[in-house]
């Protein structure tokens, strides 16, 4: 069974080396790594070409957003399992190993996820409200980088909504819940999220984060389902 890792990236040249190393150094190897560069203006693509010749580099001609990049990666991949990693985040070394073993040994489960652990840039003040709330407090969240997913799930619920540039992962996760896709969650860290000054979602208010739109989408889908039944 093959495992594909899809890494959407936009101007994350200063972080992507560490992200890729955390994938390559997994205790259970993956079969392919695809970086989808979303028309970066920094040195991301050159870094990958120079340092990671075995990584498949896909390049969007214009900036399309994370949903488009994730979809492009899925369509270009060959794995039986799909997982994601944002270019500024990291995986613990055993992330793939325990998740793959669980899915192989529990064939009725279609997705497995672990907990998210946030770590902060040294420049972030100790009294920063997000740091106070999140640092050292692993938790479950619908960060798909913390998941391993059977490819067939995308056939069942569809791809990411390209109209959504934020909270597209929340929107997709809600669709899996509506479709009763089986998920196992283990209280084990499977993603280390880097919090820094250029995090897009972290610099937005809740109403602008895209999450409310994801909720609206879910409500609309459920209402249509009730009308049709």
C-alpha atoms as a PDB file:
ATOM      1  CA  UNK A   1       0.000   0.000   0.000  1.00  0.00           C
ATOM      2  CA  UNK A   2       1.445   3.354  -1.068  1.00  0.00           C
ATOM      3  CA  UNK A   3       1.409   6.578   0.961  1.00  0.00           C
ATOM      4  CA  UNK A   4       1.373   9.996  -0.716  1.00  0.00           C
ATOM      5  CA  UNK A   5       2.267  13.195   1.131  1.00  0.00           C
ATOM      6  CA  UNK A   6       0.972  16.471  -0.308  1.00  0.00           C
ATOM      7  CA  UNK A   7       2.546  19.738   0.819  1.00  0.00           C
ATOM      8  CA  UNK A   8       0.888  22.957  -0.416  1.00  0.00           C
ATOM      9  CA  UNK A   9       3.279  25.886  -0.102  1.00  0.00           C
ATOM     10  CA  UNK A  10       3.309  29.617  -0.687  1.00  0.00           C
ATOM     11  CA  UNK A  11       6.434  31.634   0.157  1.00  0.00           C
ATOM     12  CA  UNK A  12       7.578  29.234   2.875  1.00  0.00           C
ATOM     13  CA  UNK A  13      11.158  28.797   1.688  1.00  0.00           C
ATOM     14  CA  UNK A  14      12.538  29.489   5.160  1.00  0.00           C
ATOM     15  CA  UNK A  15      10.477  26.666   6.680  1.00  0.00           C
ATOM     16  CA  UNK A  16      10.095  24.023   3.994  1.00  0.00           C
ATOM     17  CA  UNK A  17      13.461  22.307   4.553  1.00  0.00           C
ATOM     18  CA  UNK A  18      12.483  21.376   8.118  1.00  0.00           C
ATOM     19  CA  UNK A  19       9.021  20.309   6.978  1.00  0.00           C
ATOM     20  CA  UNK A  20      10.416  18.005   4.295  1.00  0.00           C
ATOM     21  CA  UNK A  21      13.049  16.592   6.630  1.00  0.00           C
ATOM     22  CA  UNK A  22      10.316  15.662   9.100  1.00  0.00           C
ATOM     23  CA  UNK A  23       8.641  13.652   6.315  1.00  0.00           C
ATOM     24  CA  UNK A  24      11.809  12.023   4.990  1.00  0.00           C
ATOM     25  CA  UNK A  25      12.932  11.006   8.487  1.00  0.00           C
ATOM     26  CA  UNK A  26       9.717   9.153   9.322  1.00  0.00           C
ATOM     27  CA  UNK A  27      10.222   5.764  10.983  1.00  0.00           C
ATOM     28  CA  UNK A  28       7.900   4.302   8.333  1.00  0.00           C
ATOM     29  CA  UNK A  29       8.868   5.667   4.908  1.00  0.00           C
ATOM     30  CA  UNK A  30       6.359   7.278   2.581  1.00  0.00           C
ATOM     31  CA  UNK A  31       6.239   6.424  -1.116  1.00  0.00           C
ATOM     32  CA  UNK A  32       6.012   9.871  -2.644  1.00  0.00           C
ATOM     33  CA  UNK A  33       6.170  13.496  -1.601  1.00  0.00           C
ATOM     34  CA  UNK A  34       4.489  16.148  -3.722  1.00  0.00           C
ATOM     35  CA  UNK A  35       5.056  19.841  -3.055  1.00  0.00           C
ATOM     36  CA  UNK A  36       2.505  22.059  -4.769  1.00  0.00           C
ATOM     37  CA  UNK A  37       3.986  25.536  -4.961  1.00  0.00           C
ATOM     38  CA  UNK A  38       1.284  28.181  -5.248  1.00  0.00           C
ATOM     39  CA  UNK A  39       3.234  30.678  -7.406  1.00  0.00           C
ATOM     40  CA  UNK A  40       5.687  31.612  -4.658  1.00  0.00           C
ATOM     41  CA  UNK A  41       7.857  34.688  -5.118  1.00  0.00           C
ATOM     42  CA  UNK A  42      10.605  33.477  -2.780  1.00  0.00           C
ATOM     43  CA  UNK A  43      13.208  30.715  -3.216  1.00  0.00           C
ATOM     44  CA  UNK A  44      10.940  27.774  -2.331  1.00  0.00           C
ATOM     45  CA  UNK A  45      11.162  26.041  -5.714  1.00  0.00           C
ATOM     46  CA  UNK A  46      14.929  26.441  -6.012  1.00  0.00           C
ATOM     47  CA  UNK A  47      15.451  25.037  -2.518  1.00  0.00           C
ATOM     48  CA  UNK A  48      13.446  21.923  -3.411  1.00  0.00           C
ATOM     49  CA  UNK A  49      15.272  21.454  -6.725  1.00  0.00           C
ATOM     50  CA  UNK A  50      18.667  21.814  -5.047  1.00  0.00           C
ATOM     51  CA  UNK A  51      18.118  19.879  -1.825  1.00  0.00           C
ATOM     52  CA  UNK A  52      15.292  17.406  -2.503  1.00  0.00           C
ATOM     53  CA  UNK A  53      15.615  15.955  -6.018  1.00  0.00           C
ATOM     54  CA  UNK A  54      13.291  13.038  -5.185  1.00  0.00           C
ATOM     55  CA  UNK A  55      10.421  15.337  -4.246  1.00  0.00           C
ATOM     56  CA  UNK A  56       7.847  15.916  -6.998  1.00  0.00           C
ATOM     57  CA  UNK A  57       7.504  19.662  -7.452  1.00  0.00           C
ATOM     58  CA  UNK A  58       4.241  20.898  -8.971  1.00  0.00           C
ATOM     59  CA  UNK A  59       3.954  24.626  -9.666  1.00  0.00           C
ATOM     60  CA  UNK A  60       0.779  26.672 -10.059  1.00  0.00           C
ATOM     61  CA  UNK A  61       1.172  29.328 -12.751  1.00  0.00           C
ATOM     62  CA  UNK A  62      -0.801  31.798 -10.635  1.00  0.00           C
ATOM     63  CA  UNK A  63      -1.721  31.879  -6.962  1.00  0.00           C
ATOM     64  CA  UNK A  64      -4.808  29.709  -6.573  1.00  0.00           C
ATOM     65  CA  UNK A  65      -5.096  29.083  -2.835  1.00  0.00           C
ATOM     66  CA  UNK A  66      -4.718  25.963  -0.681  1.00  0.00           C
ATOM     67  CA  UNK A  67      -7.849  24.143  -1.892  1.00  0.00           C
ATOM     68  CA  UNK A  68      -6.688  24.179  -5.503  1.00  0.00           C
ATOM     69  CA  UNK A  69      -3.171  23.135  -4.464  1.00  0.00           C
ATOM     70  CA  UNK A  70      -4.435  20.249  -2.334  1.00  0.00           C
ATOM     71  CA  UNK A  71      -6.681  19.062  -5.175  1.00  0.00           C
ATOM     72  CA  UNK A  72      -3.826  19.300  -7.676  1.00  0.00           C
ATOM     73  CA  UNK A  73      -1.670  17.231  -5.353  1.00  0.00           C
ATOM     74  CA  UNK A  74      -4.334  14.565  -4.866  1.00  0.00           C
ATOM     75  CA  UNK A  75      -4.999  14.291  -8.605  1.00  0.00           C
ATOM     76  CA  UNK A  76      -1.274  13.974  -9.310  1.00  0.00           C
ATOM     77  CA  UNK A  77      -0.582  11.427  -6.569  1.00  0.00           C
ATOM     78  CA  UNK A  78      -0.618   7.630  -6.800  1.00  0.00           C
ATOM     79  CA  UNK A  79      -0.980   6.556  -3.162  1.00  0.00           C
ATOM     80  CA  UNK A  80      -3.630   4.377  -1.568  1.00  0.00           C
ATOM     81  CA  UNK A  81      -3.351   6.684   1.446  1.00  0.00           C
ATOM     82  CA  UNK A  82      -3.256  10.484   1.378  1.00  0.00           C
ATOM     83  CA  UNK A  83      -1.885  12.830   3.998  1.00  0.00           C
ATOM     84  CA  UNK A  84      -0.974  16.501   4.053  1.00  0.00           C
ATOM     85  CA  UNK A  85       1.590  18.747   5.674  1.00  0.00           C
ATOM     86  CA  UNK A  86       1.636  22.534   5.591  1.00  0.00           C
ATOM     87  CA  UNK A  87       5.063  23.786   4.565  1.00  0.00           C
ATOM     88  CA  UNK A  88       5.720  25.548   7.871  1.00  0.00           C
ATOM     89  CA  UNK A  89       4.720  22.640  10.148  1.00  0.00           C
ATOM     90  CA  UNK A  90       6.408  19.421  11.297  1.00  0.00           C
ATOM     91  CA  UNK A  91       5.606  15.776  11.961  1.00  0.00           C
ATOM     92  CA  UNK A  92       6.798  13.690  14.908  1.00  0.00           C
ATOM     93  CA  UNK A  93       9.037  10.884  13.666  1.00  0.00           C
ATOM     94  CA  UNK A  94       6.480   8.092  14.207  1.00  0.00           C
ATOM     95  CA  UNK A  95       3.420   9.848  12.759  1.00  0.00           C
ATOM     96  CA  UNK A  96       3.126   7.721   9.632  1.00  0.00           C
ATOM     97  CA  UNK A  97       4.114   4.467  11.336  1.00  0.00           C
ATOM     98  CA  UNK A  98       1.364   4.315  13.944  1.00  0.00           C
ATOM     99  CA  UNK A  99      -1.323   5.742  11.686  1.00  0.00           C
ATOM    100  CA  UNK A 100      -0.532   3.395   8.808  1.00  0.00           C
ATOM    101  CA  UNK A 101      -0.427   0.362  11.104  1.00  0.00           C
ATOM    102  CA  UNK A 102      -3.765   1.319  12.616  1.00  0.00           C
ATOM    103  CA  UNK A 103      -5.538   1.663   9.270  1.00  0.00           C
ATOM    104  CA  UNK A 104      -4.058  -1.563   7.899  1.00  0.00           C
ATOM    105  CA  UNK A 105      -5.178  -3.465  11.001  1.00  0.00           C
ATOM    106  CA  UNK A 106      -8.625  -1.821  11.224  1.00  0.00           C
ATOM    107  CA  UNK A 107      -9.987  -1.902   7.702  1.00  0.00           C
ATOM    108  CA  UNK A 108     -13.395  -0.598   8.775  1.00  0.00           C
ATOM    109  CA  UNK A 109     -11.813   2.765   9.669  1.00  0.00           C
ATOM    110  CA  UNK A 110     -11.242   5.210   6.803  1.00  0.00           C
ATOM    111  CA  UNK A 111      -9.332   7.997   8.583  1.00  0.00           C
ATOM    112  CA  UNK A 112      -7.064   8.193  11.601  1.00  0.00           C
ATOM    113  CA  UNK A 113      -5.917  11.330  13.395  1.00  0.00           C
ATOM    114  CA  UNK A 114      -3.775  12.359  16.316  1.00  0.00           C
ATOM    115  CA  UNK A 115      -3.433  15.471  18.429  1.00  0.00           C
ATOM    116  CA  UNK A 116      -1.976  18.834  17.417  1.00  0.00           C
ATOM    117  CA  UNK A 117       0.811  20.483  19.402  1.00  0.00           C
ATOM    118  CA  UNK A 118       1.553  24.166  18.769  1.00  0.00           C
ATOM    119  CA  UNK A 119       4.995  25.691  19.045  1.00  0.00           C
ATOM    120  CA  UNK A 120       5.829  29.360  18.757  1.00  0.00           C
ATOM    121  CA  UNK A 121       8.445  31.534  17.129  1.00  0.00           C
ATOM    122  CA  UNK A 122      11.038  32.827  19.588  1.00  0.00           C
ATOM    123  CA  UNK A 123       9.885  36.318  18.657  1.00  0.00           C
ATOM    124  CA  UNK A 124       6.422  35.652  20.061  1.00  0.00           C
ATOM    125  CA  UNK A 125       6.084  37.360  23.489  1.00  0.00           C
ATOM    126  CA  UNK A 126       5.592  34.998  26.427  1.00  0.00           C
ATOM    127  CA  UNK A 127       2.358  36.797  27.352  1.00  0.00           C
ATOM    128  CA  UNK A 128       0.888  36.515  23.838  1.00  0.00           C
ATOM    129  CA  UNK A 129      -2.743  35.409  24.244  1.00  0.00           C
ATOM    130  CA  UNK A 130      -2.480  32.632  21.646  1.00  0.00           C
ATOM    131  CA  UNK A 131       0.709  31.384  23.247  1.00  0.00           C
ATOM    132  CA  UNK A 132      -0.920  31.329  26.676  1.00  0.00           C
ATOM    133  CA  UNK A 133      -3.920  29.436  25.322  1.00  0.00           C
ATOM    134  CA  UNK A 134      -2.173  26.938  23.031  1.00  0.00           C
ATOM    135  CA  UNK A 135       1.432  26.314  24.028  1.00  0.00           C
ATOM    136  CA  UNK A 136       2.003  23.008  25.757  1.00  0.00           C
ATOM    137  CA  UNK A 137      -1.635  21.971  25.364  1.00  0.00           C
ATOM    138  CA  UNK A 138      -1.972  19.229  22.737  1.00  0.00           C
ATOM    139  CA  UNK A 139      -5.522  18.900  21.437  1.00  0.00           C
ATOM    140  CA  UNK A 140      -7.601  17.528  18.593  1.00  0.00           C
ATOM    141  CA  UNK A 141      -8.420  19.864  15.740  1.00  0.00           C
ATOM    142  CA  UNK A 142      -9.398  19.234  12.134  1.00  0.00           C
ATOM    143  CA  UNK A 143      -5.893  19.946  10.854  1.00  0.00           C
ATOM    144  CA  UNK A 144      -5.682  17.413   8.053  1.00  0.00           C
ATOM    145  CA  UNK A 145      -1.905  17.288   8.443  1.00  0.00           C
ATOM    146  CA  UNK A 146      -2.613  15.300  11.611  1.00  0.00           C
ATOM    147  CA  UNK A 147      -4.627  12.721   9.601  1.00  0.00           C
ATOM    148  CA  UNK A 148      -3.925   9.723   7.403  1.00  0.00           C
ATOM    149  CA  UNK A 149      -6.774   9.101   4.961  1.00  0.00           C
ATOM    150  CA  UNK A 150      -7.745   6.307   2.599  1.00  0.00           C
ATOM    151  CA  UNK A 151      -7.769   7.727  -0.918  1.00  0.00           C
ATOM    152  CA  UNK A 152     -11.281   6.358  -1.450  1.00  0.00           C
ATOM    153  CA  UNK A 153     -12.640   8.940   1.018  1.00  0.00           C
ATOM    154  CA  UNK A 154     -12.090  11.654  -1.587  1.00  0.00           C
ATOM    155  CA  UNK A 155     -14.196   9.624  -4.022  1.00  0.00           C
ATOM    156  CA  UNK A 156     -16.952   9.486  -1.396  1.00  0.00           C
ATOM    157  CA  UNK A 157     -17.028  13.139  -0.271  1.00  0.00           C
ATOM    158  CA  UNK A 158     -15.296  14.993  -3.091  1.00  0.00           C
ATOM    159  CA  UNK A 159     -12.313  17.299  -3.224  1.00  0.00           C
ATOM    160  CA  UNK A 160     -11.642  20.623  -1.498  1.00  0.00           C
ATOM    161  CA  UNK A 161     -13.867  23.590  -2.300  1.00  0.00           C
ATOM    162  CA  UNK A 162     -11.733  25.912  -4.454  1.00  0.00           C
ATOM    163  CA  UNK A 163     -13.969  28.854  -3.537  1.00  0.00           C
ATOM    164  CA  UNK A 164     -12.644  28.606   0.019  1.00  0.00           C
ATOM    165  CA  UNK A 165      -9.174  30.002   0.643  1.00  0.00           C
ATOM    166  CA  UNK A 166      -9.481  29.663   4.417  1.00  0.00           C
ATOM    167  CA  UNK A 167     -10.871  26.844   6.589  1.00  0.00           C
ATOM    168  CA  UNK A 168     -11.040  24.599   3.538  1.00  0.00           C
ATOM    169  CA  UNK A 169      -9.845  21.740   5.743  1.00  0.00           C
ATOM    170  CA  UNK A 170     -12.664  22.376   8.249  1.00  0.00           C
ATOM    171  CA  UNK A 171     -15.166  22.444   5.403  1.00  0.00           C
ATOM    172  CA  UNK A 172     -13.909  19.130   4.021  1.00  0.00           C
ATOM    173  CA  UNK A 173     -13.830  17.549   7.478  1.00  0.00           C
ATOM    174  CA  UNK A 174     -17.473  18.550   8.056  1.00  0.00           C
ATOM    175  CA  UNK A 175     -18.395  16.813   4.817  1.00  0.00           C
ATOM    176  CA  UNK A 176     -16.795  13.588   6.073  1.00  0.00           C
ATOM    177  CA  UNK A 177     -18.882  13.847   9.242  1.00  0.00           C
ATOM    178  CA  UNK A 178     -22.045  14.346   7.203  1.00  0.00           C
ATOM    179  CA  UNK A 179     -21.149  11.289   5.113  1.00  0.00           C
ATOM    180  CA  UNK A 180     -20.476   9.202   8.262  1.00  0.00           C
ATOM    181  CA  UNK A 181     -16.881   8.492   7.262  1.00  0.00           C
ATOM    182  CA  UNK A 182     -15.310   6.498  10.096  1.00  0.00           C
ATOM    183  CA  UNK A 183     -12.545   8.244  12.047  1.00  0.00           C
ATOM    184  CA  UNK A 184     -10.326   7.045  14.878  1.00  0.00           C
ATOM    185  CA  UNK A 185      -8.670   9.709  17.044  1.00  0.00           C
ATOM    186  CA  UNK A 186      -5.746   8.818  19.285  1.00  0.00           C
ATOM    187  CA  UNK A 187      -4.466  11.043  22.095  1.00  0.00           C
ATOM    188  CA  UNK A 188      -1.005  11.085  20.560  1.00  0.00           C
ATOM    189  CA  UNK A 189       0.725  14.055  18.961  1.00  0.00           C
ATOM    190  CA  UNK A 190       0.853  13.643  15.189  1.00  0.00           C
ATOM    191  CA  UNK A 191       1.388  17.253  14.126  1.00  0.00           C
ATOM    192  CA  UNK A 192       3.500  20.146  15.373  1.00  0.00           C
ATOM    193  CA  UNK A 193       2.003  23.432  14.195  1.00  0.00           C
ATOM    194  CA  UNK A 194       4.369  26.375  13.917  1.00  0.00           C
ATOM    195  CA  UNK A 195       2.829  29.668  15.038  1.00  0.00           C
ATOM    196  CA  UNK A 196       4.601  32.678  13.556  1.00  0.00           C
ATOM    197  CA  UNK A 197       3.964  36.219  12.386  1.00  0.00           C
ATOM    198  CA  UNK A 198       2.930  35.240   8.870  1.00  0.00           C
ATOM    199  CA  UNK A 199       0.332  32.583   9.730  1.00  0.00           C
ATOM    200  CA  UNK A 200      -2.645  33.627   7.620  1.00  0.00           C
ATOM    201  CA  UNK A 201      -5.474  32.309   9.763  1.00  0.00           C
ATOM    202  CA  UNK A 202      -3.836  33.321  13.027  1.00  0.00           C
ATOM    203  CA  UNK A 203      -3.843  36.972  12.018  1.00  0.00           C
ATOM    204  CA  UNK A 204      -7.561  37.058  11.250  1.00  0.00           C
ATOM    205  CA  UNK A 205     -10.566  37.555  13.472  1.00  0.00           C
ATOM    206  CA  UNK A 206     -12.899  34.595  13.974  1.00  0.00           C
ATOM    207  CA  UNK A 207     -15.515  36.054  11.627  1.00  0.00           C
ATOM    208  CA  UNK A 208     -12.898  36.449   8.877  1.00  0.00           C
ATOM    209  CA  UNK A 209     -11.229  33.063   9.384  1.00  0.00           C
ATOM    210  CA  UNK A 210     -13.524  31.160   7.015  1.00  0.00           C
ATOM    211  CA  UNK A 211     -14.875  28.890   9.741  1.00  0.00           C
ATOM    212  CA  UNK A 212     -18.292  30.574   9.750  1.00  0.00           C
ATOM    213  CA  UNK A 213     -18.540  29.993   6.001  1.00  0.00           C
ATOM    214  CA  UNK A 214     -17.661  26.338   6.543  1.00  0.00           C
ATOM    215  CA  UNK A 215     -20.493  26.106   9.079  1.00  0.00           C
ATOM    216  CA  UNK A 216     -22.911  27.769   6.660  1.00  0.00           C
ATOM    217  CA  UNK A 217     -21.906  25.312   3.947  1.00  0.00           C
ATOM    218  CA  UNK A 218     -22.589  22.405   6.298  1.00  0.00           C
ATOM    219  CA  UNK A 219     -25.999  23.774   7.311  1.00  0.00           C
ATOM    220  CA  UNK A 220     -26.964  24.347   3.677  1.00  0.00           C
ATOM    221  CA  UNK A 221     -25.984  20.802   2.722  1.00  0.00           C
ATOM    222  CA  UNK A 222     -28.007  19.344   5.590  1.00  0.00           C
ATOM    223  CA  UNK A 223     -31.047  21.464   4.710  1.00  0.00           C
ATOM    224  CA  UNK A 224     -30.895  20.301   1.076  1.00  0.00           C
ATOM    225  CA  UNK A 225     -30.614  16.703   2.244  1.00  0.00           C
ATOM    226  CA  UNK A 226     -33.710  17.097   4.438  1.00  0.00           C
ATOM    227  CA  UNK A 227     -35.672  18.673   1.591  1.00  0.00           C
ATOM    228  CA  UNK A 228     -34.719  15.861  -0.799  1.00  0.00           C
ATOM    229  CA  UNK A 229     -35.674  13.195   1.708  1.00  0.00           C
END
